[in-house]
Amino acid sequence: MEATGTYRVDEVANVGDTVSDLCAGDNASVRFNIGVLSGAHDQARLLKAPHTHLLADVAELRQMWSDCE
């Protein structure tokens, strides 16, 4: 985030499909730390990782953003 000049972590979303992706988002204190179940790790593993949302597929992001408005 620093390399792109992004300093407002409350405006950042992290989306990942592994535990390490979600741990990175948690370490950065992003507002949305979203796990996607259609990737590398299954629901059981991602449920144990820090997250704000778990989505079945990345395609669900569009609906999630609509719901947040």
PDB file of N, CA and C in Angstrom:
ATOM      1  N   MET A   1       0.836  -1.183   0.000  1.00  0.00           N
ATOM      2  CA  MET A   1       0.000   0.000   0.000  1.00  0.00           C
ATOM      3  C   MET A   1       0.877   1.240   0.000  1.00  0.00           C
ATOM      4  N   GLU A   2       1.966   1.180   0.726  1.00  0.00           N
ATOM      5  CA  GLU A   2       2.864   2.327   0.799  1.00  0.00           C
ATOM      6  C   GLU A   2       3.423   2.674  -0.583  1.00  0.00           C
ATOM      7  N   ALA A   3       3.772   1.663  -1.355  1.00  0.00           N
ATOM      8  CA  ALA A   3       4.357   1.894  -2.678  1.00  0.00           C
ATOM      9  C   ALA A   3       3.395   2.619  -3.618  1.00  0.00           C
ATOM     10  N   THR A   4       2.097   2.482  -3.387  1.00  0.00           N
ATOM     11  CA  THR A   4       1.111   3.144  -4.242  1.00  0.00           C
ATOM     12  C   THR A   4       0.581   4.438  -3.629  1.00  0.00           C
ATOM     13  N   GLY A   5       1.101   4.796  -2.454  1.00  0.00           N
ATOM     14  CA  GLY A   5       0.637   6.011  -1.800  1.00  0.00           C
ATOM     15  C   GLY A   5      -0.695   5.846  -1.098  1.00  0.00           C
ATOM     16  N   THR A   6      -1.051   4.608  -0.765  1.00  0.00           N
ATOM     17  CA  THR A   6      -2.307   4.327  -0.078  1.00  0.00           C
ATOM     18  C   THR A   6      -2.043   4.262   1.423  1.00  0.00           C
ATOM     19  N   TYR A   7      -2.573   5.212   2.150  1.00  0.00           N
ATOM     20  CA  TYR A   7      -2.334   5.262   3.592  1.00  0.00           C
ATOM     21  C   TYR A   7      -3.613   5.122   4.407  1.00  0.00           C
ATOM     22  N   ARG A   8      -4.751   5.162   3.766  1.00  0.00           N
ATOM     23  CA  ARG A   8      -6.036   5.023   4.463  1.00  0.00           C
ATOM     24  C   ARG A   8      -6.459   3.568   4.425  1.00  0.00           C
ATOM     25  N   VAL A   9      -6.005   2.786   5.388  1.00  0.00           N
ATOM     26  CA  VAL A   9      -6.328   1.360   5.399  1.00  0.00           C
ATOM     27  C   VAL A   9      -7.819   1.119   5.579  1.00  0.00           C
ATOM     28  N   ASP A  10      -8.530   2.137   6.091  1.00  0.00           N
ATOM     29  CA  ASP A  10      -9.978   1.992   6.244  1.00  0.00           C
ATOM     30  C   ASP A  10     -10.702   2.066   4.906  1.00  0.00           C
ATOM     31  N   GLU A  11      -9.959   2.304   3.820  1.00  0.00           N
ATOM     32  CA  GLU A  11     -10.534   2.332   2.472  1.00  0.00           C
ATOM     33  C   GLU A  11     -10.011   1.198   1.591  1.00  0.00           C
ATOM     34  N   VAL A  12      -9.365   0.215   2.207  1.00  0.00           N
ATOM     35  CA  VAL A  12      -8.711  -0.851   1.441  1.00  0.00           C
ATOM     36  C   VAL A  12      -9.420  -2.179   1.650  1.00  0.00           C
ATOM     37  N   ALA A  13      -9.522  -2.939   0.566  1.00  0.00           N
ATOM     38  CA  ALA A  13     -10.033  -4.301   0.625  1.00  0.00           C
ATOM     39  C   ALA A  13      -8.931  -5.255   0.179  1.00  0.00           C
ATOM     40  N   ASN A  14      -8.763  -6.308   0.922  1.00  0.00           N
ATOM     41  CA  ASN A  14      -7.857  -7.388   0.572  1.00  0.00           C
ATOM     42  C   ASN A  14      -8.720  -8.591   0.205  1.00  0.00           C
ATOM     43  N   VAL A  15      -8.431  -9.206  -0.924  1.00  0.00           N
ATOM     44  CA  VAL A  15      -9.177 -10.388  -1.350  1.00  0.00           C
ATOM     45  C   VAL A  15      -8.166 -11.497  -1.619  1.00  0.00           C
ATOM     46  N   GLY A  16      -8.393 -12.656  -0.994  1.00  0.00           N
ATOM     47  CA  GLY A  16      -7.459 -13.752  -1.191  1.00  0.00           C
ATOM     48  C   GLY A  16      -8.107 -15.109  -1.025  1.00  0.00           C
ATOM     49  N   ASP A  17      -7.373 -16.128  -1.457  1.00  0.00           N
ATOM     50  CA  ASP A  17      -7.901 -17.492  -1.378  1.00  0.00           C
ATOM     51  C   ASP A  17      -7.034 -18.410  -0.536  1.00  0.00           C
ATOM     52  N   THR A  18      -6.107 -17.829   0.240  1.00  0.00           N
ATOM     53  CA  THR A  18      -5.268 -18.631   1.133  1.00  0.00           C
ATOM     54  C   THR A  18      -5.234 -18.008   2.524  1.00  0.00           C
ATOM     55  N   VAL A  19      -4.842 -18.811   3.484  1.00  0.00           N
ATOM     56  CA  VAL A  19      -4.697 -18.324   4.854  1.00  0.00           C
ATOM     57  C   VAL A  19      -3.666 -17.194   4.896  1.00  0.00           C
ATOM     58  N   SER A  20      -2.566 -17.357   4.181  1.00  0.00           N
ATOM     59  CA  SER A  20      -1.536 -16.316   4.197  1.00  0.00           C
ATOM     60  C   SER A  20      -2.047 -15.008   3.591  1.00  0.00           C
ATOM     61  N   ASP A  21      -2.909 -15.075   2.584  1.00  0.00           N
ATOM     62  CA  ASP A  21      -3.520 -13.857   2.026  1.00  0.00           C
ATOM     63  C   ASP A  21      -4.316 -13.124   3.101  1.00  0.00           C
ATOM     64  N   LEU A  22      -5.109 -13.880   3.851  1.00  0.00           N
ATOM     65  CA  LEU A  22      -5.953 -13.265   4.873  1.00  0.00           C
ATOM     66  C   LEU A  22      -5.128 -12.773   6.058  1.00  0.00           C
ATOM     67  N   CYS A  23      -4.065 -13.471   6.390  1.00  0.00           N
ATOM     68  CA  CYS A  23      -3.181 -12.994   7.463  1.00  0.00           C
ATOM     69  C   CYS A  23      -2.493 -11.689   7.052  1.00  0.00           C
ATOM     70  N   ALA A  24      -2.122 -11.577   5.795  1.00  0.00           N
ATOM     71  CA  ALA A  24      -1.506 -10.339   5.308  1.00  0.00           C
ATOM     72  C   ALA A  24      -2.482  -9.173   5.409  1.00  0.00           C
ATOM     73  N   GLY A  25      -3.728  -9.390   5.020  1.00  0.00           N
ATOM     74  CA  GLY A  25      -4.739  -8.346   5.143  1.00  0.00           C
ATOM     75  C   GLY A  25      -4.976  -7.948   6.583  1.00  0.00           C
ATOM     76  N   ASP A  26      -4.981  -8.931   7.472  1.00  0.00           N
ATOM     77  CA  ASP A  26      -5.152  -8.656   8.894  1.00  0.00           C
ATOM     78  C   ASP A  26      -3.966  -7.862   9.435  1.00  0.00           C
ATOM     79  N   ASN A  27      -2.767  -8.239   9.048  1.00  0.00           N
ATOM     80  CA  ASN A  27      -1.567  -7.518   9.486  1.00  0.00           C
ATOM     81  C   ASN A  27      -1.565  -6.070   9.005  1.00  0.00           C
ATOM     82  N   ALA A  28      -2.166  -5.832   7.847  1.00  0.00           N
ATOM     83  CA  ALA A  28      -2.240  -4.475   7.302  1.00  0.00           C
ATOM     84  C   ALA A  28      -3.410  -3.690   7.879  1.00  0.00           C
ATOM     85  N   SER A  29      -4.273  -4.356   8.638  1.00  0.00           N
ATOM     86  CA  SER A  29      -5.454  -3.722   9.260  1.00  0.00           C
ATOM     87  C   SER A  29      -6.415  -3.116   8.245  1.00  0.00           C
ATOM     88  N   VAL A  30      -6.585  -3.804   7.104  1.00  0.00           N
ATOM     89  CA  VAL A  30      -7.505  -3.308   6.079  1.00  0.00           C
ATOM     90  C   VAL A  30      -8.946  -3.395   6.571  1.00  0.00           C
ATOM     91  N   ARG A  31      -9.802  -2.586   5.953  1.00  0.00           N
ATOM     92  CA  ARG A  31     -11.221  -2.561   6.348  1.00  0.00           C
ATOM     93  C   ARG A  31     -11.930  -3.867   5.988  1.00  0.00           C
ATOM     94  N   PHE A  32     -11.716  -4.327   4.766  1.00  0.00           N
ATOM     95  CA  PHE A  32     -12.341  -5.557   4.286  1.00  0.00           C
ATOM     96  C   PHE A  32     -11.247  -6.590   4.029  1.00  0.00           C
ATOM     97  N   ASN A  33     -11.328  -7.717   4.689  1.00  0.00           N
ATOM     98  CA  ASN A  33     -10.371  -8.805   4.511  1.00  0.00           C
ATOM     99  C   ASN A  33     -11.182 -10.026   4.081  1.00  0.00           C
ATOM    100  N   ILE A  34     -11.255 -10.224   2.785  1.00  0.00           N
ATOM    101  CA  ILE A  34     -12.238 -11.123   2.181  1.00  0.00           C
ATOM    102  C   ILE A  34     -11.581 -12.413   1.687  1.00  0.00           C
ATOM    103  N   GLY A  35     -12.082 -13.527   2.173  1.00  0.00           N
ATOM    104  CA  GLY A  35     -11.637 -14.820   1.695  1.00  0.00           C
ATOM    105  C   GLY A  35     -12.565 -15.332   0.603  1.00  0.00           C
ATOM    106  N   VAL A  36     -11.963 -15.931  -0.409  1.00  0.00           N
ATOM    107  CA  VAL A  36     -12.719 -16.474  -1.543  1.00  0.00           C
ATOM    108  C   VAL A  36     -12.547 -17.987  -1.548  1.00  0.00           C
ATOM    109  N   LEU A  37     -13.650 -18.706  -1.497  1.00  0.00           N
ATOM    110  CA  LEU A  37     -13.623 -20.160  -1.351  1.00  0.00           C
ATOM    111  C   LEU A  37     -13.394 -20.925  -2.655  1.00  0.00           C
ATOM    112  N   SER A  38     -13.339 -20.239  -3.771  1.00  0.00           N
ATOM    113  CA  SER A  38     -13.175 -20.925  -5.056  1.00  0.00           C
ATOM    114  C   SER A  38     -11.706 -21.081  -5.446  1.00  0.00           C
ATOM    115  N   GLY A  39     -10.801 -20.851  -4.488  1.00  0.00           N
ATOM    116  CA  GLY A  39      -9.379 -20.908  -4.806  1.00  0.00           C
ATOM    117  C   GLY A  39      -8.638 -22.029  -4.111  1.00  0.00           C
ATOM    118  N   ALA A  40      -7.470 -21.710  -3.633  1.00  0.00           N
ATOM    119  CA  ALA A  40      -6.534 -22.704  -3.115  1.00  0.00           C
ATOM    120  C   ALA A  40      -6.978 -23.393  -1.831  1.00  0.00           C
ATOM    121  N   HIS A  41      -7.524 -22.624  -0.872  1.00  0.00           N
ATOM    122  CA  HIS A  41      -7.874 -23.219   0.419  1.00  0.00           C
ATOM    123  C   HIS A  41      -9.378 -23.362   0.576  1.00  0.00           C
ATOM    124  N   ASP A  42      -9.782 -24.398   1.309  1.00  0.00           N
ATOM    125  CA  ASP A  42     -11.198 -24.670   1.492  1.00  0.00           C
ATOM    126  C   ASP A  42     -11.780 -23.862   2.665  1.00  0.00           C
ATOM    127  N   GLN A  43     -13.075 -23.989   2.845  1.00  0.00           N
ATOM    128  CA  GLN A  43     -13.787 -23.215   3.860  1.00  0.00           C
ATOM    129  C   GLN A  43     -13.259 -23.486   5.269  1.00  0.00           C
ATOM    130  N   ALA A  44     -12.981 -24.727   5.590  1.00  0.00           N
ATOM    131  CA  ALA A  44     -12.503 -25.071   6.934  1.00  0.00           C
ATOM    132  C   ALA A  44     -11.214 -24.322   7.271  1.00  0.00           C
ATOM    133  N   ARG A  45     -10.311 -24.231   6.302  1.00  0.00           N
ATOM    134  CA  ARG A  45      -9.041 -23.519   6.541  1.00  0.00           C
ATOM    135  C   ARG A  45      -9.256 -22.022   6.618  1.00  0.00           C
ATOM    136  N   LEU A  46     -10.065 -21.469   5.711  1.00  0.00           N
ATOM    137  CA  LEU A  46     -10.248 -20.015   5.702  1.00  0.00           C
ATOM    138  C   LEU A  46     -11.048 -19.532   6.904  1.00  0.00           C
ATOM    139  N   LEU A  47     -11.942 -20.361   7.422  1.00  0.00           N
ATOM    140  CA  LEU A  47     -12.696 -19.977   8.613  1.00  0.00           C
ATOM    141  C   LEU A  47     -11.785 -19.743   9.815  1.00  0.00           C
ATOM    142  N   LYS A  48     -10.658 -20.416   9.856  1.00  0.00           N
ATOM    143  CA  LYS A  48      -9.713 -20.269  10.964  1.00  0.00           C
ATOM    144  C   LYS A  48      -8.828 -19.037  10.821  1.00  0.00           C
ATOM    145  N   ALA A  49      -8.793 -18.456   9.637  1.00  0.00           N
ATOM    146  CA  ALA A  49      -7.962 -17.279   9.365  1.00  0.00           C
ATOM    147  C   ALA A  49      -8.751 -16.000   9.677  1.00  0.00           C
ATOM    148  N   PRO A  50      -8.048 -14.917   9.981  1.00  0.00           N
ATOM    149  CA  PRO A  50      -8.751 -13.655  10.225  1.00  0.00           C
ATOM    150  C   PRO A  50      -9.412 -13.160   8.938  1.00  0.00           C
ATOM    151  N   HIS A  51     -10.689 -12.840   9.020  1.00  0.00           N
ATOM    152  CA  HIS A  51     -11.407 -12.369   7.834  1.00  0.00           C
ATOM    153  C   HIS A  51     -12.612 -11.537   8.263  1.00  0.00           C
ATOM    154  N   THR A  52     -13.072 -10.701   7.355  1.00  0.00           N
ATOM    155  CA  THR A  52     -14.320  -9.970   7.579  1.00  0.00           C
ATOM    156  C   THR A  52     -15.461 -10.605   6.811  1.00  0.00           C
ATOM    157  N   HIS A  53     -15.147 -11.254   5.705  1.00  0.00           N
ATOM    158  CA  HIS A  53     -16.148 -11.899   4.855  1.00  0.00           C
ATOM    159  C   HIS A  53     -15.542 -13.147   4.224  1.00  0.00           C
ATOM    160  N   LEU A  54     -16.385 -14.135   3.976  1.00  0.00           N
ATOM    161  CA  LEU A  54     -16.013 -15.289   3.159  1.00  0.00           C
ATOM    162  C   LEU A  54     -17.037 -15.401   2.045  1.00  0.00           C
ATOM    163  N   LEU A  55     -16.552 -15.443   0.819  1.00  0.00           N
ATOM    164  CA  LEU A  55     -17.426 -15.521  -0.346  1.00  0.00           C
ATOM    165  C   LEU A  55     -17.183 -16.842  -1.078  1.00  0.00           C
ATOM    166  N   ALA A  56     -18.233 -17.393  -1.641  1.00  0.00           N
ATOM    167  CA  ALA A  56     -18.109 -18.643  -2.393  1.00  0.00           C
ATOM    168  C   ALA A  56     -17.254 -18.453  -3.633  1.00  0.00           C
ATOM    169  N   ASP A  57     -17.324 -17.274  -4.228  1.00  0.00           N
ATOM    170  CA  ASP A  57     -16.642 -17.013  -5.490  1.00  0.00           C
ATOM    171  C   ASP A  57     -16.344 -15.533  -5.594  1.00  0.00           C
ATOM    172  N   VAL A  58     -15.286 -15.187  -6.279  1.00  0.00           N
ATOM    173  CA  VAL A  58     -14.918 -13.778  -6.452  1.00  0.00           C
ATOM    174  C   VAL A  58     -16.029 -12.981  -7.151  1.00  0.00           C
ATOM    175  N   ALA A  59     -16.851 -13.665  -7.936  1.00  0.00           N
ATOM    176  CA  ALA A  59     -17.964 -12.994  -8.620  1.00  0.00           C
ATOM    177  C   ALA A  59     -18.955 -12.378  -7.629  1.00  0.00           C
ATOM    178  N   GLU A  60     -18.973 -12.863  -6.393  1.00  0.00           N
ATOM    179  CA  GLU A  60     -19.879 -12.320  -5.380  1.00  0.00           C
ATOM    180  C   GLU A  60     -19.445 -10.947  -4.866  1.00  0.00           C
ATOM    181  N   LEU A  61     -18.243 -10.504  -5.232  1.00  0.00           N
ATOM    182  CA  LEU A  61     -17.779  -9.183  -4.793  1.00  0.00           C
ATOM    183  C   LEU A  61     -18.695  -8.066  -5.265  1.00  0.00           C
ATOM    184  N   ARG A  62     -19.174  -8.162  -6.479  1.00  0.00           N
ATOM    185  CA  ARG A  62     -20.052  -7.114  -7.027  1.00  0.00           C
ATOM    186  C   ARG A  62     -21.289  -6.917  -6.143  1.00  0.00           C
ATOM    187  N   GLN A  63     -21.919  -8.015  -5.729  1.00  0.00           N
ATOM    188  CA  GLN A  63     -23.096  -7.917  -4.865  1.00  0.00           C
ATOM    189  C   GLN A  63     -22.702  -7.386  -3.488  1.00  0.00           C
ATOM    190  N   MET A  64     -21.564  -7.822  -2.994  1.00  0.00           N
ATOM    191  CA  MET A  64     -21.111  -7.348  -1.690  1.00  0.00           C
ATOM    192  C   MET A  64     -20.914  -5.834  -1.691  1.00  0.00           C
ATOM    193  N   TRP A  65     -20.298  -5.311  -2.728  1.00  0.00           N
ATOM    194  CA  TRP A  65     -20.093  -3.839  -2.813  1.00  0.00           C
ATOM    195  C   TRP A  65     -21.437  -3.128  -2.915  1.00  0.00           C
ATOM    196  N   SER A  66     -22.364  -3.696  -3.648  1.00  0.00           N
ATOM    197  CA  SER A  66     -23.708  -3.091  -3.758  1.00  0.00           C
ATOM    198  C   SER A  66     -24.391  -3.053  -2.408  1.00  0.00           C
ATOM    199  N   ASP A  67     -24.236  -4.109  -1.619  1.00  0.00           N
ATOM    200  CA  ASP A  67     -24.852  -4.175  -0.292  1.00  0.00           C
ATOM    201  C   ASP A  67     -24.218  -3.178   0.679  1.00  0.00           C
ATOM    202  N   CYS A  68     -22.963  -2.817   0.439  1.00  0.00           N
ATOM    203  CA  CYS A  68     -22.240  -1.914   1.350  1.00  0.00           C
ATOM    204  C   CYS A  68     -22.555  -0.444   1.089  1.00  0.00           C
ATOM    205  N   GLU A  69     -23.155  -0.140  -0.028  1.00  0.00           N
ATOM    206  CA  GLU A  69     -23.418   1.269  -0.371  1.00  0.00           C
ATOM    207  C   GLU A  69     -24.550   1.840   0.439  1.00  0.00           C
TER     208      GLU A  69
END
